[in-house]
Every structure is written in C-alpha cells, then in structure tokens.
PDB file of N, CA and C in Angstrom:
ATOM      1  N   MET A   1     213.201  49.569 118.220  1.00  0.00           N
ATOM      2  CA  MET A   1     214.137  49.206 117.312  1.00  0.00           C
ATOM      3  C   MET A   1     214.775  50.166 116.449  1.00  0.00           C
ATOM      4  N   SER A   2     216.251  49.788 116.681  1.00  0.00           N
ATOM      5  CA  SER A   2     217.038  50.049 116.035  1.00  0.00           C
ATOM      6  C   SER A   2     216.623  50.053 113.957  1.00  0.00           C
ATOM      7  N   GLU A   3     216.887  51.900 113.499  1.00  0.00           N
ATOM      8  CA  GLU A   3     216.741  51.784 111.902  1.00  0.00           C
ATOM      9  C   GLU A   3     217.753  51.130 111.532  1.00  0.00           C
ATOM     10  N   ASP A   4     219.119  50.786 112.197  1.00  0.00           N
ATOM     11  CA  ASP A   4     220.128  50.272 111.584  1.00  0.00           C
ATOM     12  C   ASP A   4     220.546  49.049 111.399  1.00  0.00           C
ATOM     13  N   ILE A   5     219.036  48.114 111.738  1.00  0.00           N
ATOM     14  CA  ILE A   5     219.366  46.766 112.445  1.00  0.00           C
ATOM     15  C   ILE A   5     220.000  46.166 111.219  1.00  0.00           C
ATOM     16  N   LEU A   6     219.717  46.419 109.901  1.00  0.00           N
ATOM     17  CA  LEU A   6     220.283  45.604 108.594  1.00  0.00           C
ATOM     18  C   LEU A   6     221.953  46.118 108.590  1.00  0.00           C
ATOM     19  N   LYS A   7     222.076  47.425 108.684  1.00  0.00           N
ATOM     20  CA  LYS A   7     223.533  47.681 108.775  1.00  0.00           C
ATOM     21  C   LYS A   7     224.423  47.525 109.778  1.00  0.00           C
ATOM     22  N   ASN A   8     223.729  47.009 110.993  1.00  0.00           N
ATOM     23  CA  ASN A   8     224.467  46.489 112.136  1.00  0.00           C
ATOM     24  C   ASN A   8     224.436  44.843 111.813  1.00  0.00           C
ATOM     25  N   LEU A   9     223.828  44.228 111.046  1.00  0.00           N
ATOM     26  CA  LEU A   9     223.668  42.716 110.591  1.00  0.00           C
ATOM     27  C   LEU A   9     224.668  42.888 109.822  1.00  0.00           C
ATOM     28  N   ALA A  10     224.818  43.394 108.714  1.00  0.00           N
ATOM     29  CA  ALA A  10     225.777  43.339 107.740  1.00  0.00           C
ATOM     30  C   ALA A  10     227.218  43.792 108.109  1.00  0.00           C
ATOM     31  N   ALA A  11     227.354  44.696 108.974  1.00  0.00           N
ATOM     32  CA  ALA A  11     228.654  44.868 109.881  1.00  0.00           C
ATOM     33  C   ALA A  11     229.198  43.414 110.591  1.00  0.00           C
ATOM     34  N   THR A  12     228.137  43.179 111.296  1.00  0.00           N
ATOM     35  CA  THR A  12     228.355  41.564 111.788  1.00  0.00           C
ATOM     36  C   THR A  12     229.049  40.577 111.262  1.00  0.00           C
ATOM     37  N   ILE A  13     227.854  40.723 109.829  1.00  0.00           N
ATOM     38  CA  ILE A  13     228.548  39.150 109.038  1.00  0.00           C
ATOM     39  C   ILE A  13     229.835  39.606 108.249  1.00  0.00           C
ATOM     40  N   LYS A  14     230.529  41.135 108.015  1.00  0.00           N
ATOM     41  CA  LYS A  14     231.498  41.368 107.706  1.00  0.00           C
ATOM     42  C   LYS A  14     232.768  40.969 108.492  1.00  0.00           C
ATOM     43  N   GLU A  15     232.389  41.002 109.979  1.00  0.00           N
ATOM     44  CA  GLU A  15     233.215  40.522 110.993  1.00  0.00           C
ATOM     45  C   GLU A  15     233.439  39.343 111.516  1.00  0.00           C
ATOM     46  N   ARG A  16     232.599  38.235 110.758  1.00  0.00           N
ATOM     47  CA  ARG A  16     232.571  37.114 110.956  1.00  0.00           C
ATOM     48  C   ARG A  16     233.509  36.586 109.907  1.00  0.00           C
ATOM     49  N   ARG A  17     233.784  37.231 109.015  1.00  0.00           N
ATOM     50  CA  ARG A  17     234.806  36.609 107.946  1.00  0.00           C
ATOM     51  C   ARG A  17     236.421  36.297 108.695  1.00  0.00           C
ATOM     52  N   SER A  18     236.885  37.449 109.990  1.00  0.00           N
ATOM     53  CA  SER A  18     237.773  36.391 110.789  1.00  0.00           C
ATOM     54  C   SER A  18     237.433  35.561 111.619  1.00  0.00           C
ATOM     55  N   ALA A  19     236.202  34.916 112.020  1.00  0.00           N
ATOM     56  CA  ALA A  19     235.691  34.126 112.895  1.00  0.00           C
ATOM     57  C   ALA A  19     236.162  32.945 112.684  1.00  0.00           C
ATOM     58  N   SER A  20     236.006  32.096 113.818  1.00  0.00           N
ATOM     59  CA  SER A  20     236.458  30.520 113.523  1.00  0.00           C
ATOM     60  C   SER A  20     235.436  30.087 112.599  1.00  0.00           C
ATOM     61  N   SER A  21     235.701  28.979 112.135  1.00  0.00           N
ATOM     62  CA  SER A  21     234.331  28.095 111.593  1.00  0.00           C
ATOM     63  C   SER A  21     233.795  27.423 112.332  1.00  0.00           C
ATOM     64  N   ASP A  22     234.828  26.771 113.259  1.00  0.00           N
ATOM     65  CA  ASP A  22     234.254  26.245 114.387  1.00  0.00           C
ATOM     66  C   ASP A  22     233.139  26.845 115.158  1.00  0.00           C
ATOM     67  N   THR A  23     232.834  27.997 115.166  1.00  0.00           N
ATOM     68  CA  THR A  23     232.026  28.557 115.462  1.00  0.00           C
ATOM     69  C   THR A  23     230.841  29.395 115.350  1.00  0.00           C
ATOM     70  N   SER A  24     231.116  29.564 113.954  1.00  0.00           N
ATOM     71  CA  SER A  24     230.482  30.848 113.576  1.00  0.00           C
ATOM     72  C   SER A  24     229.700  30.231 112.260  1.00  0.00           C
ATOM     73  N   TYR A  25     228.167  29.863 112.075  1.00  0.00           N
ATOM     74  CA  TYR A  25     227.508  29.707 110.655  1.00  0.00           C
ATOM     75  C   TYR A  25     227.743  30.495 109.436  1.00  0.00           C
ATOM     76  N   THR A  26     227.838  32.121 109.910  1.00  0.00           N
ATOM     77  CA  THR A  26     228.148  32.567 108.652  1.00  0.00           C
ATOM     78  C   THR A  26     229.435  32.871 108.217  1.00  0.00           C
ATOM     79  N   ARG A  27     230.578  32.449 108.917  1.00  0.00           N
ATOM     80  CA  ARG A  27     231.956  31.983 108.750  1.00  0.00           C
ATOM     81  C   ARG A  27     231.921  30.583 107.452  1.00  0.00           C
ATOM     82  N   LYS A  28     231.078  30.071 108.139  1.00  0.00           N
ATOM     83  CA  LYS A  28     230.618  28.792 107.085  1.00  0.00           C
ATOM     84  C   LYS A  28     230.206  28.910 105.720  1.00  0.00           C
ATOM     85  N   LEU A  29     229.507  29.527 106.144  1.00  0.00           N
ATOM     86  CA  LEU A  29     229.022  30.072 104.493  1.00  0.00           C
ATOM     87  C   LEU A  29     229.457  30.780 103.300  1.00  0.00           C
ATOM     88  N   LEU A  30     230.558  31.578 104.136  1.00  0.00           N
ATOM     89  CA  LEU A  30     231.320  32.762 103.248  1.00  0.00           C
ATOM     90  C   LEU A  30     232.458  31.611 103.200  1.00  0.00           C
ATOM     91  N   ASP A  31     233.110  30.327 103.842  1.00  0.00           N
ATOM     92  CA  ASP A  31     234.110  29.696 103.429  1.00  0.00           C
ATOM     93  C   ASP A  31     233.335  29.291 102.100  1.00  0.00           C
ATOM     94  N   ALA A  32     232.466  28.702 101.866  1.00  0.00           N
ATOM     95  CA  ALA A  32     231.986  27.793 100.660  1.00  0.00           C
ATOM     96  C   ALA A  32     231.493  28.674  99.377  1.00  0.00           C
ATOM     97  N   GLY A  33     231.866  29.769  99.734  1.00  0.00           N
ATOM     98  CA  GLY A  33     231.420  30.727  98.404  1.00  0.00           C
ATOM     99  C   GLY A  33     230.366  31.125  97.918  1.00  0.00           C
ATOM    100  N   PRO A  34     230.029  31.970  96.843  1.00  0.00           N
ATOM    101  CA  PRO A  34     228.940  32.899  96.703  1.00  0.00           C
ATOM    102  C   PRO A  34     228.105  31.656  95.948  1.00  0.00           C
ATOM    103  N   GLU A  35     228.409  30.287  95.254  1.00  0.00           N
ATOM    104  CA  GLU A  35     227.700  29.265  95.084  1.00  0.00           C
ATOM    105  C   GLU A  35     226.967  29.078  96.100  1.00  0.00           C
ATOM    106  N   LYS A  36     227.382  28.863  97.300  1.00  0.00           N
ATOM    107  CA  LYS A  36     226.487  28.441  98.526  1.00  0.00           C
ATOM    108  C   LYS A  36     225.870  29.429  98.995  1.00  0.00           C
ATOM    109  N   CYS A  37     226.122  30.578  99.247  1.00  0.00           N
ATOM    110  CA  CYS A  37     225.702  31.450  99.518  1.00  0.00           C
ATOM    111  C   CYS A  37     224.343  31.579  98.761  1.00  0.00           C
ATOM    112  N   ALA A  38     224.362  31.524  97.445  1.00  0.00           N
ATOM    113  CA  ALA A  38     223.027  32.137  96.477  1.00  0.00           C
ATOM    114  C   ALA A  38     222.138  30.708  96.664  1.00  0.00           C
ATOM    115  N   LYS A  39     222.898  29.812  96.814  1.00  0.00           N
ATOM    116  CA  LYS A  39     221.751  28.642  97.010  1.00  0.00           C
ATOM    117  C   LYS A  39     220.562  28.722  98.426  1.00  0.00           C
ATOM    118  N   LYS A  40     221.688  29.190  99.320  1.00  0.00           N
ATOM    119  CA  LYS A  40     221.084  29.301 100.308  1.00  0.00           C
ATOM    120  C   LYS A  40     219.731  30.269 100.466  1.00  0.00           C
ATOM    121  N   LEU A  41     220.607  30.957 100.019  1.00  0.00           N
ATOM    122  CA  LEU A  41     219.359  32.531  99.553  1.00  0.00           C
ATOM    123  C   LEU A  41     218.224  32.187  99.029  1.00  0.00           C
ATOM    124  N   GLY A  42     218.274  31.070  97.539  1.00  0.00           N
ATOM    125  CA  GLY A  42     217.109  30.674  97.006  1.00  0.00           C
ATOM    126  C   GLY A  42     216.399  29.545  97.719  1.00  0.00           C
ATOM    127  N   GLU A  43     216.860  28.505  98.608  1.00  0.00           N
ATOM    128  CA  GLU A  43     216.135  28.150  99.741  1.00  0.00           C
ATOM    129  C   GLU A  43     215.045  29.162 100.718  1.00  0.00           C
ATOM    130  N   GLU A  44     216.041  30.096 100.881  1.00  0.00           N
ATOM    131  CA  GLU A  44     215.133  31.110 101.838  1.00  0.00           C
ATOM    132  C   GLU A  44     214.453  31.592 101.546  1.00  0.00           C
ATOM    133  N   ALA A  45     214.208  32.087 100.236  1.00  0.00           N
ATOM    134  CA  ALA A  45     213.299  32.790  99.071  1.00  0.00           C
ATOM    135  C   ALA A  45     211.925  31.926  98.913  1.00  0.00           C
ATOM    136  N   ALA A  46     212.142  30.457  98.614  1.00  0.00           N
ATOM    137  CA  ALA A  46     211.199  29.739  98.408  1.00  0.00           C
ATOM    138  C   ALA A  46     210.618  29.323  99.734  1.00  0.00           C
ATOM    139  N   GLU A  47     211.518  29.154 101.001  1.00  0.00           N
ATOM    140  CA  GLU A  47     210.571  29.189 102.440  1.00  0.00           C
ATOM    141  C   GLU A  47     209.799  30.563 102.859  1.00  0.00           C
ATOM    142  N   THR A  48     210.061  31.429 102.246  1.00  0.00           N
ATOM    143  CA  THR A  48     209.267  33.160 102.128  1.00  0.00           C
ATOM    144  C   THR A  48     207.922  32.815 101.778  1.00  0.00           C
ATOM    145  N   ILE A  49     207.972  32.638 100.499  1.00  0.00           N
ATOM    146  CA  ILE A  49     207.061  32.682  99.566  1.00  0.00           C
ATOM    147  C   ILE A  49     205.836  31.600  99.876  1.00  0.00           C
ATOM    148  N   ILE A  50     206.297  30.418 100.935  1.00  0.00           N
ATOM    149  CA  ILE A  50     205.232  29.245 101.044  1.00  0.00           C
ATOM    150  C   ILE A  50     205.107  30.129 102.285  1.00  0.00           C
ATOM    151  N   ALA A  51     205.347  30.742 103.416  1.00  0.00           N
ATOM    152  CA  ALA A  51     204.718  31.286 104.765  1.00  0.00           C
ATOM    153  C   ALA A  51     204.096  31.950 104.055  1.00  0.00           C
ATOM    154  N   ALA A  52     204.515  32.956 102.985  1.00  0.00           N
ATOM    155  CA  ALA A  52     203.287  33.875 102.500  1.00  0.00           C
ATOM    156  C   ALA A  52     202.248  33.275 101.996  1.00  0.00           C
ATOM    157  N   LEU A  53     201.970  32.415 101.474  1.00  0.00           N
ATOM    158  CA  LEU A  53     201.059  31.584 100.578  1.00  0.00           C
ATOM    159  C   LEU A  53     199.961  30.765 101.991  1.00  0.00           C
ATOM    160  N   VAL A  54     200.772  30.211 102.899  1.00  0.00           N
ATOM    161  CA  VAL A  54     200.298  28.872 103.660  1.00  0.00           C
ATOM    162  C   VAL A  54     200.414  29.047 105.381  1.00  0.00           C
ATOM    163  N   GLN A  55     201.352  29.895 105.650  1.00  0.00           N
ATOM    164  CA  GLN A  55     202.003  29.688 107.169  1.00  0.00           C
ATOM    165  C   GLN A  55     201.189  31.094 107.631  1.00  0.00           C
ATOM    166  N   THR A  56     201.585  31.388 109.207  1.00  0.00           N
ATOM    167  CA  THR A  56     201.126  32.368 110.135  1.00  0.00           C
ATOM    168  C   THR A  56     201.795  33.362 109.624  1.00  0.00           C
ATOM    169  N   ASP A  57     201.607  34.620 110.171  1.00  0.00           N
ATOM    170  CA  ASP A  57     202.225  35.596 110.474  1.00  0.00           C
ATOM    171  C   ASP A  57     203.381  36.085 110.716  1.00  0.00           C
ATOM    172  N   ASP A  58     203.470  35.101 112.059  1.00  0.00           N
ATOM    173  CA  ASP A  58     204.974  34.776 112.449  1.00  0.00           C
ATOM    174  C   ASP A  58     205.764  34.082 112.043  1.00  0.00           C
ATOM    175  N   GLU A  59     205.102  33.075 110.939  1.00  0.00           N
ATOM    176  CA  GLU A  59     206.228  32.127 110.264  1.00  0.00           C
ATOM    177  C   GLU A  59     206.841  32.467 109.335  1.00  0.00           C
ATOM    178  N   LEU A  60     205.767  33.827 108.686  1.00  0.00           N
ATOM    179  CA  LEU A  60     206.409  34.846 107.350  1.00  0.00           C
ATOM    180  C   LEU A  60     207.472  35.246 107.824  1.00  0.00           C
ATOM    181  N   THR A  61     207.316  36.613 109.320  1.00  0.00           N
ATOM    182  CA  THR A  61     207.981  37.361 110.013  1.00  0.00           C
ATOM    183  C   THR A  61     209.539  36.200 109.696  1.00  0.00           C
ATOM    184  N   SER A  62     209.570  35.548 110.432  1.00  0.00           N
ATOM    185  CA  SER A  62     210.609  34.830 110.747  1.00  0.00           C
ATOM    186  C   SER A  62     211.380  34.322 109.470  1.00  0.00           C
ATOM    187  N   GLU A  63     210.699  34.028 108.603  1.00  0.00           N
ATOM    188  CA  GLU A  63     211.223  33.666 107.289  1.00  0.00           C
ATOM    189  C   GLU A  63     211.854  34.394 106.628  1.00  0.00           C
ATOM    190  N   ALA A  64     210.731  35.796 106.351  1.00  0.00           N
ATOM    191  CA  ALA A  64     211.642  37.006 106.070  1.00  0.00           C
ATOM    192  C   ALA A  64     212.714  37.520 106.822  1.00  0.00           C
ATOM    193  N   ALA A  65     213.086  37.452 107.898  1.00  0.00           N
ATOM    194  CA  ALA A  65     214.323  37.485 109.081  1.00  0.00           C
ATOM    195  C   ALA A  65     215.432  36.802 108.085  1.00  0.00           C
ATOM    196  N   ASP A  66     214.751  35.108 108.221  1.00  0.00           N
ATOM    197  CA  ASP A  66     215.966  34.420 107.610  1.00  0.00           C
ATOM    198  C   ASP A  66     216.783  34.932 105.847  1.00  0.00           C
ATOM    199  N   LEU A  67     215.784  35.306 105.421  1.00  0.00           N
ATOM    200  CA  LEU A  67     215.870  35.767 103.665  1.00  0.00           C
ATOM    201  C   LEU A  67     216.485  37.100 103.582  1.00  0.00           C
ATOM    202  N   LEU A  68     216.114  38.030 104.305  1.00  0.00           N
ATOM    203  CA  LEU A  68     217.466  39.446 104.759  1.00  0.00           C
ATOM    204  C   LEU A  68     218.787  39.013 105.415  1.00  0.00           C
ATOM    205  N   TYR A  69     218.717  37.852 105.819  1.00  0.00           N
ATOM    206  CA  TYR A  69     220.155  37.325 106.861  1.00  0.00           C
ATOM    207  C   TYR A  69     220.768  36.985 105.283  1.00  0.00           C
ATOM    208  N   HIS A  70     220.339  36.295 105.008  1.00  0.00           N
ATOM    209  CA  HIS A  70     221.186  35.560 103.724  1.00  0.00           C
ATOM    210  C   HIS A  70     221.571  36.023 102.562  1.00  0.00           C
ATOM    211  N   LEU A  71     220.769  37.294 102.443  1.00  0.00           N
ATOM    212  CA  LEU A  71     221.084  38.263 101.194  1.00  0.00           C
ATOM    213  C   LEU A  71     222.163  38.779 101.735  1.00  0.00           C
ATOM    214  N   LEU A  72     222.523  39.161 103.135  1.00  0.00           N
ATOM    215  CA  LEU A  72     223.168  40.463 103.333  1.00  0.00           C
ATOM    216  C   LEU A  72     224.854  39.410 103.193  1.00  0.00           C
ATOM    217  N   VAL A  73     224.444  38.272 103.623  1.00  0.00           N
ATOM    218  CA  VAL A  73     225.802  36.906 103.259  1.00  0.00           C
ATOM    219  C   VAL A  73     226.008  36.796 102.010  1.00  0.00           C
ATOM    220  N   LEU A  74     225.249  36.509 101.168  1.00  0.00           N
ATOM    221  CA  LEU A  74     225.969  36.810  99.719  1.00  0.00           C
ATOM    222  C   LEU A  74     226.004  38.163  99.244  1.00  0.00           C
ATOM    223  N   LEU A  75     225.672  39.110  99.647  1.00  0.00           N
ATOM    224  CA  LEU A  75     226.485  40.443  98.916  1.00  0.00           C
ATOM    225  C   LEU A  75     227.899  40.230  99.808  1.00  0.00           C
ATOM    226  N   GLU A  76     228.329  39.872 101.243  1.00  0.00           N
ATOM    227  CA  GLU A  76     229.589  39.740 101.459  1.00  0.00           C
ATOM    228  C   GLU A  76     230.337  38.967 101.184  1.00  0.00           C
ATOM    229  N   SER A  77     229.799  37.710 100.721  1.00  0.00           N
ATOM    230  CA  SER A  77     230.442  36.450 100.206  1.00  0.00           C
ATOM    231  C   SER A  77     231.223  37.204  98.512  1.00  0.00           C
ATOM    232  N   ARG A  78     230.075  38.445  97.967  1.00  0.00           N
ATOM    233  CA  ARG A  78     231.167  38.917  96.625  1.00  0.00           C
ATOM    234  C   ARG A  78     231.425  40.144  96.899  1.00  0.00           C
ATOM    235  N   MET A  79     231.723  40.216  98.211  1.00  0.00           N
ATOM    236  CA  MET A  79     232.362  41.753  98.918  1.00  0.00           C
ATOM    237  C   MET A  79     231.103  42.819  97.778  1.00  0.00           C
ATOM    238  N   VAL A  80     230.220  43.127  97.959  1.00  0.00           N
ATOM    239  CA  VAL A  80     229.155  43.632  97.698  1.00  0.00           C
ATOM    240  C   VAL A  80     229.473  44.809  99.100  1.00  0.00           C
ATOM    241  N   ASP A  81     229.326  45.694  98.989  1.00  0.00           N
ATOM    242  CA  ASP A  81     229.046  46.549 100.402  1.00  0.00           C
ATOM    243  C   ASP A  81     227.299  46.702 100.446  1.00  0.00           C
ATOM    244  N   PHE A  82     227.172  46.832 101.662  1.00  0.00           N
ATOM    245  CA  PHE A  82     225.851  46.961 101.771  1.00  0.00           C
ATOM    246  C   PHE A  82     225.344  48.323 101.959  1.00  0.00           C
ATOM    247  N   ASP A  83     226.045  49.209 101.919  1.00  0.00           N
ATOM    248  CA  ASP A  83     225.988  50.874 101.771  1.00  0.00           C
ATOM    249  C   ASP A  83     225.822  51.016 100.630  1.00  0.00           C
ATOM    250  N   ASP A  84     226.744  50.252  99.292  1.00  0.00           N
ATOM    251  CA  ASP A  84     226.062  50.516  97.944  1.00  0.00           C
ATOM    252  C   ASP A  84     224.766  50.127  97.459  1.00  0.00           C
ATOM    253  N   VAL A  85     223.983  48.748  98.318  1.00  0.00           N
ATOM    254  CA  VAL A  85     222.683  48.627  98.108  1.00  0.00           C
ATOM    255  C   VAL A  85     221.973  49.742  98.346  1.00  0.00           C
ATOM    256  N   LEU A  86     222.298  50.454  99.851  1.00  0.00           N
ATOM    257  CA  LEU A  86     221.203  51.386  99.935  1.00  0.00           C
ATOM    258  C   LEU A  86     221.181  52.673  98.918  1.00  0.00           C
ATOM    259  N   GLN A  87     222.410  52.943  98.773  1.00  0.00           N
ATOM    260  CA  GLN A  87     222.530  54.267  98.077  1.00  0.00           C
ATOM    261  C   GLN A  87     221.818  53.668  96.603  1.00  0.00           C
ATOM    262  N   LYS A  88     221.848  52.860  96.183  1.00  0.00           N
ATOM    263  CA  LYS A  88     220.894  52.348  95.140  1.00  0.00           C
ATOM    264  C   LYS A  88     219.720  52.051  95.124  1.00  0.00           C
ATOM    265  N   LEU A  89     219.312  52.006  96.406  1.00  0.00           N
ATOM    266  CA  LEU A  89     217.785  52.558  96.578  1.00  0.00           C
ATOM    267  C   LEU A  89     217.430  53.950  96.704  1.00  0.00           C
ATOM    268  N   GLU A  90     218.160  54.574  97.433  1.00  0.00           N
ATOM    269  CA  GLU A  90     217.874  56.237  97.813  1.00  0.00           C
ATOM    270  C   GLU A  90     217.868  56.362  96.271  1.00  0.00           C
ATOM    271  N   GLN A  91     218.736  56.201  95.010  1.00  0.00           N
ATOM    272  CA  GLN A  91     218.657  56.723  93.900  1.00  0.00           C
ATOM    273  C   GLN A  91     217.379  56.416  92.955  1.00  0.00           C
ATOM    274  N   ARG A  92     217.014  55.308  93.544  1.00  0.00           N
ATOM    275  CA  ARG A  92     215.726  54.874  93.116  1.00  0.00           C
ATOM    276  C   ARG A  92     214.438  55.749  93.704  1.00  0.00           C
ATOM    277  N   GLU A  93     213.915  56.118  94.596  1.00  0.00           N
ATOM    278  CA  GLU A  93     213.518  56.777  95.608  1.00  0.00           C
ATOM    279  C   GLU A  93     212.479  57.590  95.251  1.00  0.00           C
ATOM    280  N   SER A  94     213.057  58.389  94.451  1.00  0.00           N
ATOM    281  CA  SER A  94     212.515  59.530  93.531  1.00  0.00           C
ATOM    282  C   SER A  94     211.781  59.373  92.316  1.00  0.00           C
ATOM    283  N   ARG A  95     211.933  57.979  91.963  1.00  0.00           N
ATOM    284  CA  ARG A  95     211.188  58.079  90.586  1.00  0.00           C
ATOM    285  C   ARG A  95     210.065  56.758  91.038  1.00  0.00           C
ATOM    286  N   SER A  96     209.191  56.638  90.609  1.00  0.00           N
ATOM    287  CA  SER A  96     208.239  55.746  90.280  1.00  0.00           C
ATOM    288  C   SER A  96     208.961  54.064  90.064  1.00  0.00           C
ATOM    289  N   GLY A  97     208.521  53.397  90.352  1.00  0.00           N
ATOM    290  CA  GLY A  97     208.621  51.973  89.631  1.00  0.00           C
ATOM    291  C   GLY A  97     208.586  51.813  88.440  1.00  0.00           C
ATOM    292  N   LEU A  98     207.683  52.138  88.080  1.00  0.00           N
ATOM    293  CA  LEU A  98     208.000  52.290  86.501  1.00  0.00           C
ATOM    294  C   LEU A  98     208.690  53.133  85.821  1.00  0.00           C
ATOM    295  N   GLU A  99     208.979  54.487  86.242  1.00  0.00           N
ATOM    296  CA  GLU A  99     210.443  55.179  85.622  1.00  0.00           C
ATOM    297  C   GLU A  99     211.527  54.336  85.767  1.00  0.00           C
ATOM    298  N   GLU A 100     211.541  53.902  87.127  1.00  0.00           N
ATOM    299  CA  GLU A 100     213.075  53.139  87.445  1.00  0.00           C
ATOM    300  C   GLU A 100     213.031  52.142  86.459  1.00  0.00           C
ATOM    301  N   LYS A 101     212.315  51.119  86.107  1.00  0.00           N
ATOM    302  CA  LYS A 101     212.552  49.810  85.209  1.00  0.00           C
ATOM    303  C   LYS A 101     212.503  49.998  84.036  1.00  0.00           C
ATOM    304  N   ALA A 102     211.831  51.408  83.360  1.00  0.00           N
ATOM    305  CA  ALA A 102     211.979  51.826  82.408  1.00  0.00           C
ATOM    306  C   ALA A 102     213.433  52.044  81.928  1.00  0.00           C
ATOM    307  N   ALA A 103     213.882  52.748  82.773  1.00  0.00           N
ATOM    308  CA  ALA A 103     215.383  53.698  82.537  1.00  0.00           C
ATOM    309  C   ALA A 103     216.456  52.422  82.713  1.00  0.00           C
ATOM    310  N   ARG A 104     215.685  51.518  83.161  1.00  0.00           N
ATOM    311  CA  ARG A 104     217.046  50.345  83.073  1.00  0.00           C
ATOM    312  C   ARG A 104     217.375  49.814  81.758  1.00  0.00           C
ATOM    313  N   THR A 105     216.037  49.824  80.942  1.00  0.00           N
ATOM    314  CA  THR A 105     216.622  49.103  79.565  1.00  0.00           C
ATOM    315  C   THR A 105     217.048  49.595  78.336  1.00  0.00           C
TER     316      THR A 105
END
C-alpha cells in the first residue's frame, strides 16, 4: 500500500476539475461549490460516527474512506492545497495536543 495514497487522491480530484461532469462525480461535486461539498462531508462524517458506534469494522473502514475523499473534495472546492494541510500537521507533530490547542487561543 502506498503511503502517498491521499496525495495521489488529492491530485486525481484536482485533475477532475477539467473532466466532463457527465462522467465524473467529483466534477459534479466541485461544480456544485463549497456549500454542497461541505454538506456532503457532514453527511459522511455522520455516517462514519454511526459506523463507529454500531457497525462492523469493515463498514467503518468504508465510511472512513468516504469521509477522507469528501474532505479532499471540499479542500479542492476551496482551492486549498492538500500539501498545506500536511504542512500544518507537520508543524503540530512536535508538540503535544494540549500544547498545540493552547497555542491556538
């Protein structure tokens, strides 16, 4: 399994901007704008929560994959580069979660 799967997926989503909306679900989402993409992300987050609480591990895994996909689509709809998100995570990596949260306020 590739460690770069999320980077590859983000690149594919970016490429879908120029695909036909007749053949690309991603393009349809991007055409609908950030509001639709955010709504879809929220739906997927709720489905992931439900899967975590009452469904099988396989169903949770599937919902988690959907959630990650829709997060990347939302980022692309706002033209936020996935590498910027990764850089933010790298910056936070050396601090504890409590230190990082305290620094935000």
